[in-house]
PDB file of N, CA and C in Angstrom:
ATOM      1  N   MET A   1     -23.713  -2.318 -16.699  1.00  0.00           N
ATOM      2  CA  MET A   1     -22.670  -1.936 -16.587  1.00  0.00           C
ATOM      3  C   MET A   1     -22.448  -0.378 -15.919  1.00  0.00           C
ATOM      4  N   GLN A   2     -23.288   0.496 -16.438  1.00  0.00           N
ATOM      5  CA  GLN A   2     -23.474   1.929 -16.268  1.00  0.00           C
ATOM      6  C   GLN A   2     -23.759   2.194 -14.377  1.00  0.00           C
ATOM      7  N   VAL A   3     -24.806   1.352 -14.318  1.00  0.00           N
ATOM      8  CA  VAL A   3     -25.296   1.156 -13.022  1.00  0.00           C
ATOM      9  C   VAL A   3     -24.102   0.431 -11.761  1.00  0.00           C
ATOM     10  N   LYS A   4     -23.373  -0.549 -12.254  1.00  0.00           N
ATOM     11  CA  LYS A   4     -21.821  -0.417 -10.861  1.00  0.00           C
ATOM     12  C   LYS A   4     -21.283   0.331 -11.311  1.00  0.00           C
ATOM     13  N   HIS A   5     -20.849   1.106 -12.586  1.00  0.00           N
ATOM     14  CA  HIS A   5     -19.469   2.092 -12.425  1.00  0.00           C
ATOM     15  C   HIS A   5     -20.519   3.576 -11.866  1.00  0.00           C
ATOM     16  N   GLU A   6     -21.553   3.513 -12.002  1.00  0.00           N
ATOM     17  CA  GLU A   6     -22.517   4.641 -10.763  1.00  0.00           C
ATOM     18  C   GLU A   6     -22.391   4.645  -9.706  1.00  0.00           C
ATOM     19  N   ASN A   7     -22.299   3.072  -9.271  1.00  0.00           N
ATOM     20  CA  ASN A   7     -22.184   2.605  -7.772  1.00  0.00           C
ATOM     21  C   ASN A   7     -20.779   2.556  -7.062  1.00  0.00           C
ATOM     22  N   LEU A   8     -19.678   2.462  -8.159  1.00  0.00           N
ATOM     23  CA  LEU A   8     -18.495   2.217  -7.773  1.00  0.00           C
ATOM     24  C   LEU A   8     -17.936   3.954  -7.953  1.00  0.00           C
ATOM     25  N   ARG A   9     -18.853   4.808  -8.274  1.00  0.00           N
ATOM     26  CA  ARG A   9     -18.064   6.672  -8.152  1.00  0.00           C
ATOM     27  C   ARG A   9     -18.974   6.733  -6.744  1.00  0.00           C
ATOM     28  N   VAL A  10     -19.758   6.267  -6.588  1.00  0.00           N
ATOM     29  CA  VAL A  10     -21.199   7.047  -5.117  1.00  0.00           C
ATOM     30  C   VAL A  10     -20.271   5.904  -4.380  1.00  0.00           C
ATOM     31  N   TRP A  11     -19.626   4.927  -4.504  1.00  0.00           N
ATOM     32  CA  TRP A  11     -18.522   4.571  -3.282  1.00  0.00           C
ATOM     33  C   TRP A  11     -17.414   4.640  -2.799  1.00  0.00           C
ATOM     34  N   ALA A  12     -16.478   5.200  -3.708  1.00  0.00           N
ATOM     35  CA  ALA A  12     -16.133   6.058  -4.065  1.00  0.00           C
ATOM     36  C   ALA A  12     -15.708   7.365  -3.159  1.00  0.00           C
ATOM     37  N   GLU A  13     -16.942   8.266  -3.627  1.00  0.00           N
ATOM     38  CA  GLU A  13     -17.120   9.461  -2.779  1.00  0.00           C
ATOM     39  C   GLU A  13     -17.256   9.604  -0.983  1.00  0.00           C
ATOM     40  N   ALA A  14     -18.107   8.464  -0.939  1.00  0.00           N
ATOM     41  CA  ALA A  14     -18.364   7.540   0.373  1.00  0.00           C
ATOM     42  C   ALA A  14     -17.009   7.806   1.287  1.00  0.00           C
ATOM     43  N   MET A  15     -15.601   6.682   0.722  1.00  0.00           N
ATOM     44  CA  MET A  15     -15.518   6.699   1.536  1.00  0.00           C
ATOM     45  C   MET A  15     -14.215   7.050   1.770  1.00  0.00           C
ATOM     46  N   ASP A  16     -14.048   8.764   0.479  1.00  0.00           N
ATOM     47  CA  ASP A  16     -13.292  10.228   0.579  1.00  0.00           C
ATOM     48  C   ASP A  16     -13.415  10.605   1.658  1.00  0.00           C
ATOM     49  N   LEU A  17     -15.001  10.538   1.511  1.00  0.00           N
ATOM     50  CA  LEU A  17     -15.924  11.586   2.736  1.00  0.00           C
ATOM     51  C   LEU A  17     -15.766  11.025   4.270  1.00  0.00           C
ATOM     52  N   SER A  18     -15.442   9.042   4.438  1.00  0.00           N
ATOM     53  CA  SER A  18     -15.129   8.884   5.286  1.00  0.00           C
ATOM     54  C   SER A  18     -13.671   9.216   5.947  1.00  0.00           C
ATOM     55  N   GLU A  19     -13.020   8.792   5.020  1.00  0.00           N
ATOM     56  CA  GLU A  19     -11.168   9.053   5.686  1.00  0.00           C
ATOM     57  C   GLU A  19     -11.091  10.637   5.669  1.00  0.00           C
ATOM     58  N   LEU A  20     -12.129  11.759   5.227  1.00  0.00           N
ATOM     59  CA  LEU A  20     -11.881  13.243   5.830  1.00  0.00           C
ATOM     60  C   LEU A  20     -12.526  12.995   7.744  1.00  0.00           C
ATOM     61  N   VAL A  21     -13.607  12.779   7.326  1.00  0.00           N
ATOM     62  CA  VAL A  21     -14.174  12.415   8.677  1.00  0.00           C
ATOM     63  C   VAL A  21     -13.874  11.944   9.833  1.00  0.00           C
ATOM     64  N   TYR A  22     -13.017  10.596   9.548  1.00  0.00           N
ATOM     65  CA  TYR A  22     -11.944  10.490  10.126  1.00  0.00           C
ATOM     66  C   TYR A  22     -10.384  10.970  10.718  1.00  0.00           C
ATOM     67  N   ALA A  23     -10.220  11.824   9.568  1.00  0.00           N
ATOM     68  CA  ALA A  23      -8.988  13.119  10.199  1.00  0.00           C
ATOM     69  C   ALA A  23      -9.758  13.565  10.931  1.00  0.00           C
ATOM     70  N   MET A  24     -10.184  14.136  10.638  1.00  0.00           N
ATOM     71  CA  MET A  24     -10.863  15.308  11.207  1.00  0.00           C
ATOM     72  C   MET A  24     -11.329  15.019  12.936  1.00  0.00           C
ATOM     73  N   SER A  25     -12.106  13.613  12.944  1.00  0.00           N
ATOM     74  CA  SER A  25     -12.019  12.898  14.418  1.00  0.00           C
ATOM     75  C   SER A  25     -10.894  12.757  15.168  1.00  0.00           C
ATOM     76  N   ARG A  26      -9.712  12.762  14.021  1.00  0.00           N
ATOM     77  CA  ARG A  26      -8.168  12.860  14.627  1.00  0.00           C
ATOM     78  C   ARG A  26      -7.672  13.826  15.571  1.00  0.00           C
ATOM     79  N   GLU A  27      -8.000  15.009  14.817  1.00  0.00           N
ATOM     80  CA  GLU A  27      -7.450  16.405  14.974  1.00  0.00           C
ATOM     81  C   GLU A  27      -7.794  16.463  16.316  1.00  0.00           C
ATOM     82  N   PHE A  28      -9.573  16.496  15.963  1.00  0.00           N
ATOM     83  CA  PHE A  28     -10.272  17.138  17.537  1.00  0.00           C
ATOM     84  C   PHE A  28      -9.798  16.226  18.291  1.00  0.00           C
ATOM     85  N   PRO A  29     -10.251  16.889  19.673  1.00  0.00           N
ATOM     86  CA  PRO A  29      -9.683  15.729  21.054  1.00  0.00           C
ATOM     87  C   PRO A  29     -11.380  15.388  21.047  1.00  0.00           C
ATOM     88  N   ARG A  30     -10.918  13.008  21.449  1.00  0.00           N
ATOM     89  CA  ARG A  30     -12.045  12.861  21.525  1.00  0.00           C
ATOM     90  C   ARG A  30     -13.228  13.495  22.692  1.00  0.00           C
ATOM     91  N   ARG A  31     -14.582  12.770  22.940  1.00  0.00           N
ATOM     92  CA  ARG A  31     -15.093  13.017  23.740  1.00  0.00           C
ATOM     93  C   ARG A  31     -14.866  12.127  25.156  1.00  0.00           C
ATOM     94  N   GLU A  32     -14.150  11.085  25.370  1.00  0.00           N
ATOM     95  CA  GLU A  32     -13.339  10.628  26.251  1.00  0.00           C
ATOM     96  C   GLU A  32     -12.339  11.096  27.440  1.00  0.00           C
ATOM     97  N   ASP A  33     -11.308  12.206  26.389  1.00  0.00           N
ATOM     98  CA  ASP A  33     -10.930  13.386  27.381  1.00  0.00           C
ATOM     99  C   ASP A  33     -11.237  13.962  28.236  1.00  0.00           C
ATOM    100  N   PHE A  34     -12.388  14.681  27.271  1.00  0.00           N
ATOM    101  CA  PHE A  34     -13.370  15.532  28.556  1.00  0.00           C
ATOM    102  C   PHE A  34     -13.798  14.541  30.028  1.00  0.00           C
ATOM    103  N   GLY A  35     -13.813  13.052  29.779  1.00  0.00           N
ATOM    104  CA  GLY A  35     -14.651  12.666  31.255  1.00  0.00           C
ATOM    105  C   GLY A  35     -13.607  12.294  31.709  1.00  0.00           C
TER     106      GLY A  35
END
């Protein structure tokens, strides 16, 4: 159970990080805009 709880915590942190990167990618212009 402790291992599963650890995996869930790491997964939650990964989701938060992916959401942060997604928000940043929306703020900055995409590479297609330069082409």
